[in-house]
């Protein structure tokens, strides 16, 4: 298992996402792509509106765990390829912070793989988000979807 960094400093640009998709046009055994994009929301929490999230991580540990999740997904699903990217640093409301892209010969494998990968990444990786509010106060983000 070769460990690859999943981290990108700053937001994930639409150009980066488009380029990732375009690179797969020559792979003619692929019949389906599934994409998940995580975007920073302008949540209101206790009367405070989120303006950005500052992401930090234990990078080496997160990259190792992401590699395990990636390998598990390849073993579970019939995938041609898969990519995982997560932002570090301050990401403003409306910007993309999480990008998972899987390709397969059939849509069901790609769809199920992306759902599995996103859930495992959110549950298992030591990635931390500090929600910065418009009044410059902050709190550490909790992942309520998995509680």
C-alpha atoms as a PDB file:
ATOM      1  CA  UNK A   1       0.000   0.000   0.000  1.00  0.00           C
ATOM      2  CA  UNK A   2       1.546   3.262  -1.107  1.00  0.00           C
ATOM      3  CA  UNK A   3       0.407   6.161   1.080  1.00  0.00           C
ATOM      4  CA  UNK A   4      -0.647   9.276  -0.804  1.00  0.00           C
ATOM      5  CA  UNK A   5      -1.457  12.615   0.781  1.00  0.00           C
ATOM      6  CA  UNK A   6      -5.119  13.563   0.507  1.00  0.00           C
ATOM      7  CA  UNK A   7      -4.570  17.152   1.626  1.00  0.00           C
ATOM      8  CA  UNK A   8      -4.745  20.372  -0.356  1.00  0.00           C
ATOM      9  CA  UNK A   9      -4.010  23.741   1.223  1.00  0.00           C
ATOM     10  CA  UNK A  10      -6.988  26.037   0.731  1.00  0.00           C
ATOM     11  CA  UNK A  11     -10.257  25.389  -1.058  1.00  0.00           C
ATOM     12  CA  UNK A  12     -10.597  22.805  -3.819  1.00  0.00           C
ATOM     13  CA  UNK A  13     -11.171  24.756  -7.011  1.00  0.00           C
ATOM     14  CA  UNK A  14     -13.678  23.953  -9.729  1.00  0.00           C
ATOM     15  CA  UNK A  15     -10.704  23.926 -12.131  1.00  0.00           C
ATOM     16  CA  UNK A  16      -9.047  21.163 -10.084  1.00  0.00           C
ATOM     17  CA  UNK A  17     -12.293  19.162 -10.043  1.00  0.00           C
ATOM     18  CA  UNK A  18     -12.824  19.648 -13.786  1.00  0.00           C
ATOM     19  CA  UNK A  19      -9.240  18.675 -14.580  1.00  0.00           C
ATOM     20  CA  UNK A  20      -9.624  15.512 -12.478  1.00  0.00           C
ATOM     21  CA  UNK A  21     -12.684  14.494 -14.468  1.00  0.00           C
ATOM     22  CA  UNK A  22     -11.145  15.406 -17.832  1.00  0.00           C
ATOM     23  CA  UNK A  23      -8.102  13.195 -17.194  1.00  0.00           C
ATOM     24  CA  UNK A  24     -10.384  10.138 -17.219  1.00  0.00           C
ATOM     25  CA  UNK A  25     -11.855  10.618 -20.703  1.00  0.00           C
ATOM     26  CA  UNK A  26      -9.178   8.406 -22.267  1.00  0.00           C
ATOM     27  CA  UNK A  27     -10.013   5.479 -19.939  1.00  0.00           C
ATOM     28  CA  UNK A  28     -12.589   3.760 -22.135  1.00  0.00           C
ATOM     29  CA  UNK A  29     -13.410   0.905 -19.718  1.00  0.00           C
ATOM     30  CA  UNK A  30     -15.051   3.416 -17.367  1.00  0.00           C
ATOM     31  CA  UNK A  31     -18.826   3.695 -17.671  1.00  0.00           C
ATOM     32  CA  UNK A  32     -19.613   5.758 -14.581  1.00  0.00           C
ATOM     33  CA  UNK A  33     -18.121   8.439 -12.367  1.00  0.00           C
ATOM     34  CA  UNK A  34     -19.499   9.335  -8.975  1.00  0.00           C
ATOM     35  CA  UNK A  35     -18.474  12.529  -7.244  1.00  0.00           C
ATOM     36  CA  UNK A  36     -18.992  13.868  -3.752  1.00  0.00           C
ATOM     37  CA  UNK A  37     -18.271  17.528  -3.044  1.00  0.00           C
ATOM     38  CA  UNK A  38     -18.330  18.832   0.516  1.00  0.00           C
ATOM     39  CA  UNK A  39     -18.964  22.566   0.767  1.00  0.00           C
ATOM     40  CA  UNK A  40     -18.743  24.857   3.793  1.00  0.00           C
ATOM     41  CA  UNK A  41     -22.256  25.879   4.885  1.00  0.00           C
ATOM     42  CA  UNK A  42     -23.317  29.189   6.438  1.00  0.00           C
ATOM     43  CA  UNK A  43     -24.834  27.410   9.443  1.00  0.00           C
ATOM     44  CA  UNK A  44     -26.302  29.410  12.286  1.00  0.00           C
ATOM     45  CA  UNK A  45     -25.288  27.926  15.627  1.00  0.00           C
ATOM     46  CA  UNK A  46     -26.529  29.512  18.855  1.00  0.00           C
ATOM     47  CA  UNK A  47     -27.274  32.766  16.999  1.00  0.00           C
ATOM     48  CA  UNK A  48     -23.788  32.828  15.414  1.00  0.00           C
ATOM     49  CA  UNK A  49     -23.367  32.455  11.636  1.00  0.00           C
ATOM     50  CA  UNK A  50     -20.457  30.424  10.291  1.00  0.00           C
ATOM     51  CA  UNK A  51     -18.242  32.419   7.919  1.00  0.00           C
ATOM     52  CA  UNK A  52     -15.519  29.792   7.409  1.00  0.00           C
ATOM     53  CA  UNK A  53     -14.024  26.595   8.759  1.00  0.00           C
ATOM     54  CA  UNK A  54     -10.348  26.290   9.594  1.00  0.00           C
ATOM     55  CA  UNK A  55      -9.276  22.677   8.954  1.00  0.00           C
ATOM     56  CA  UNK A  56      -6.305  21.019  10.622  1.00  0.00           C
ATOM     57  CA  UNK A  57      -5.320  17.361  10.788  1.00  0.00           C
ATOM     58  CA  UNK A  58      -2.842  14.836  12.027  1.00  0.00           C
ATOM     59  CA  UNK A  59      -1.731  14.499   8.436  1.00  0.00           C
ATOM     60  CA  UNK A  60       0.422  11.389   8.527  1.00  0.00           C
ATOM     61  CA  UNK A  61      -2.140   9.460  10.560  1.00  0.00           C
ATOM     62  CA  UNK A  62      -4.980  10.692   8.334  1.00  0.00           C
ATOM     63  CA  UNK A  63      -3.119   9.791   5.145  1.00  0.00           C
ATOM     64  CA  UNK A  64      -2.394   6.293   6.455  1.00  0.00           C
ATOM     65  CA  UNK A  65      -6.032   5.732   7.427  1.00  0.00           C
ATOM     66  CA  UNK A  66      -7.257   7.162   4.096  1.00  0.00           C
ATOM     67  CA  UNK A  67      -4.986   4.708   2.297  1.00  0.00           C
ATOM     68  CA  UNK A  68      -6.543   1.836   4.261  1.00  0.00           C
ATOM     69  CA  UNK A  69     -10.052   3.074   3.425  1.00  0.00           C
ATOM     70  CA  UNK A  70      -9.067   3.436  -0.224  1.00  0.00           C
ATOM     71  CA  UNK A  71      -7.694  -0.108  -0.386  1.00  0.00           C
ATOM     72  CA  UNK A  72     -10.769  -1.474   1.366  1.00  0.00           C
ATOM     73  CA  UNK A  73     -13.004   0.293  -1.170  1.00  0.00           C
ATOM     74  CA  UNK A  74     -11.042  -1.247  -4.059  1.00  0.00           C
ATOM     75  CA  UNK A  75     -11.539  -4.669  -2.473  1.00  0.00           C
ATOM     76  CA  UNK A  76     -15.284  -4.132  -1.862  1.00  0.00           C
ATOM     77  CA  UNK A  77     -16.277  -2.473  -5.141  1.00  0.00           C
ATOM     78  CA  UNK A  78     -15.359  -2.929  -8.790  1.00  0.00           C
ATOM     79  CA  UNK A  79     -13.508   0.380  -9.198  1.00  0.00           C
ATOM     80  CA  UNK A  80     -11.301   1.589 -12.013  1.00  0.00           C
ATOM     81  CA  UNK A  81      -9.901   4.477 -10.006  1.00  0.00           C
ATOM     82  CA  UNK A  82     -10.578   6.668  -7.010  1.00  0.00           C
ATOM     83  CA  UNK A  83      -9.357   9.985  -5.640  1.00  0.00           C
ATOM     84  CA  UNK A  84      -9.772  11.582  -2.208  1.00  0.00           C
ATOM     85  CA  UNK A  85      -8.919  15.212  -1.415  1.00  0.00           C
ATOM     86  CA  UNK A  86      -9.547  17.273   1.716  1.00  0.00           C
ATOM     87  CA  UNK A  87      -8.699  20.898   2.387  1.00  0.00           C
ATOM     88  CA  UNK A  88      -6.497  22.260   5.115  1.00  0.00           C
ATOM     89  CA  UNK A  89      -6.513  25.875   6.230  1.00  0.00           C
ATOM     90  CA  UNK A  90      -9.296  28.421   6.262  1.00  0.00           C
ATOM     91  CA  UNK A  91     -12.144  27.598   3.866  1.00  0.00           C
ATOM     92  CA  UNK A  92     -14.840  30.229   3.363  1.00  0.00           C
ATOM     93  CA  UNK A  93     -18.578  29.579   3.207  1.00  0.00           C
ATOM     94  CA  UNK A  94     -19.488  28.317  -0.267  1.00  0.00           C
ATOM     95  CA  UNK A  95     -16.046  26.875  -1.004  1.00  0.00           C
ATOM     96  CA  UNK A  96     -15.363  23.179  -1.568  1.00  0.00           C
ATOM     97  CA  UNK A  97     -13.384  21.428   1.187  1.00  0.00           C
ATOM     98  CA  UNK A  98     -13.858  17.701   0.417  1.00  0.00           C
ATOM     99  CA  UNK A  99     -13.757  15.924  -2.955  1.00  0.00           C
ATOM    100  CA  UNK A 100     -14.175  12.200  -3.531  1.00  0.00           C
ATOM    101  CA  UNK A 101     -14.182  10.856  -7.082  1.00  0.00           C
ATOM    102  CA  UNK A 102     -14.637   7.183  -8.004  1.00  0.00           C
ATOM    103  CA  UNK A 103     -14.902   5.546 -11.405  1.00  0.00           C
ATOM    104  CA  UNK A 104     -16.148   2.116 -12.387  1.00  0.00           C
ATOM    105  CA  UNK A 105     -17.492   0.269 -15.364  1.00  0.00           C
ATOM    106  CA  UNK A 106     -20.964   0.492 -13.768  1.00  0.00           C
ATOM    107  CA  UNK A 107     -22.688   3.247 -11.762  1.00  0.00           C
ATOM    108  CA  UNK A 108     -23.758   1.111  -8.783  1.00  0.00           C
ATOM    109  CA  UNK A 109     -20.169   0.323  -7.751  1.00  0.00           C
ATOM    110  CA  UNK A 110     -19.073   3.940  -8.177  1.00  0.00           C
ATOM    111  CA  UNK A 111     -22.072   5.262  -6.231  1.00  0.00           C
ATOM    112  CA  UNK A 112     -21.758   2.774  -3.354  1.00  0.00           C
ATOM    113  CA  UNK A 113     -17.997   3.237  -3.151  1.00  0.00           C
ATOM    114  CA  UNK A 114     -18.243   7.014  -2.822  1.00  0.00           C
ATOM    115  CA  UNK A 115     -20.909   6.743  -0.098  1.00  0.00           C
ATOM    116  CA  UNK A 116     -18.734   4.247   1.786  1.00  0.00           C
ATOM    117  CA  UNK A 117     -15.556   6.335   1.413  1.00  0.00           C
ATOM    118  CA  UNK A 118     -17.186   9.596   2.522  1.00  0.00           C
ATOM    119  CA  UNK A 119     -18.724   7.978   5.613  1.00  0.00           C
ATOM    120  CA  UNK A 120     -15.465   6.246   6.581  1.00  0.00           C
ATOM    121  CA  UNK A 121     -13.373   9.393   6.061  1.00  0.00           C
ATOM    122  CA  UNK A 122     -15.760  11.455   8.205  1.00  0.00           C
ATOM    123  CA  UNK A 123     -15.834   8.770  10.904  1.00  0.00           C
ATOM    124  CA  UNK A 124     -12.184   7.652  11.013  1.00  0.00           C
ATOM    125  CA  UNK A 125      -9.802  10.436  10.000  1.00  0.00           C
ATOM    126  CA  UNK A 126      -8.255  12.862  12.510  1.00  0.00           C
ATOM    127  CA  UNK A 127      -9.368  15.983  10.641  1.00  0.00           C
ATOM    128  CA  UNK A 128     -10.594  18.865  12.777  1.00  0.00           C
ATOM    129  CA  UNK A 129     -12.695  21.863  11.811  1.00  0.00           C
ATOM    130  CA  UNK A 130     -12.826  25.087  13.787  1.00  0.00           C
ATOM    131  CA  UNK A 131     -15.986  26.951  12.806  1.00  0.00           C
ATOM    132  CA  UNK A 132     -15.237  30.659  12.591  1.00  0.00           C
ATOM    133  CA  UNK A 133     -18.288  32.876  13.056  1.00  0.00           C
ATOM    134  CA  UNK A 134     -18.953  36.267  11.500  1.00  0.00           C
ATOM    135  CA  UNK A 135     -18.247  37.927  14.885  1.00  0.00           C
ATOM    136  CA  UNK A 136     -14.792  36.205  14.869  1.00  0.00           C
ATOM    137  CA  UNK A 137     -15.683  33.879  17.759  1.00  0.00           C
ATOM    138  CA  UNK A 138     -15.298  30.157  17.081  1.00  0.00           C
ATOM    139  CA  UNK A 139     -16.089  26.616  18.172  1.00  0.00           C
ATOM    140  CA  UNK A 140     -14.769  23.202  17.223  1.00  0.00           C
ATOM    141  CA  UNK A 141     -17.015  21.455  14.722  1.00  0.00           C
ATOM    142  CA  UNK A 142     -18.664  18.174  15.674  1.00  0.00           C
ATOM    143  CA  UNK A 143     -19.807  15.662  13.083  1.00  0.00           C
ATOM    144  CA  UNK A 144     -23.456  15.235  14.087  1.00  0.00           C
ATOM    145  CA  UNK A 145     -24.269  13.081  11.055  1.00  0.00           C
ATOM    146  CA  UNK A 146     -22.331  10.140  12.492  1.00  0.00           C
ATOM    147  CA  UNK A 147     -23.387  10.474  16.143  1.00  0.00           C
END
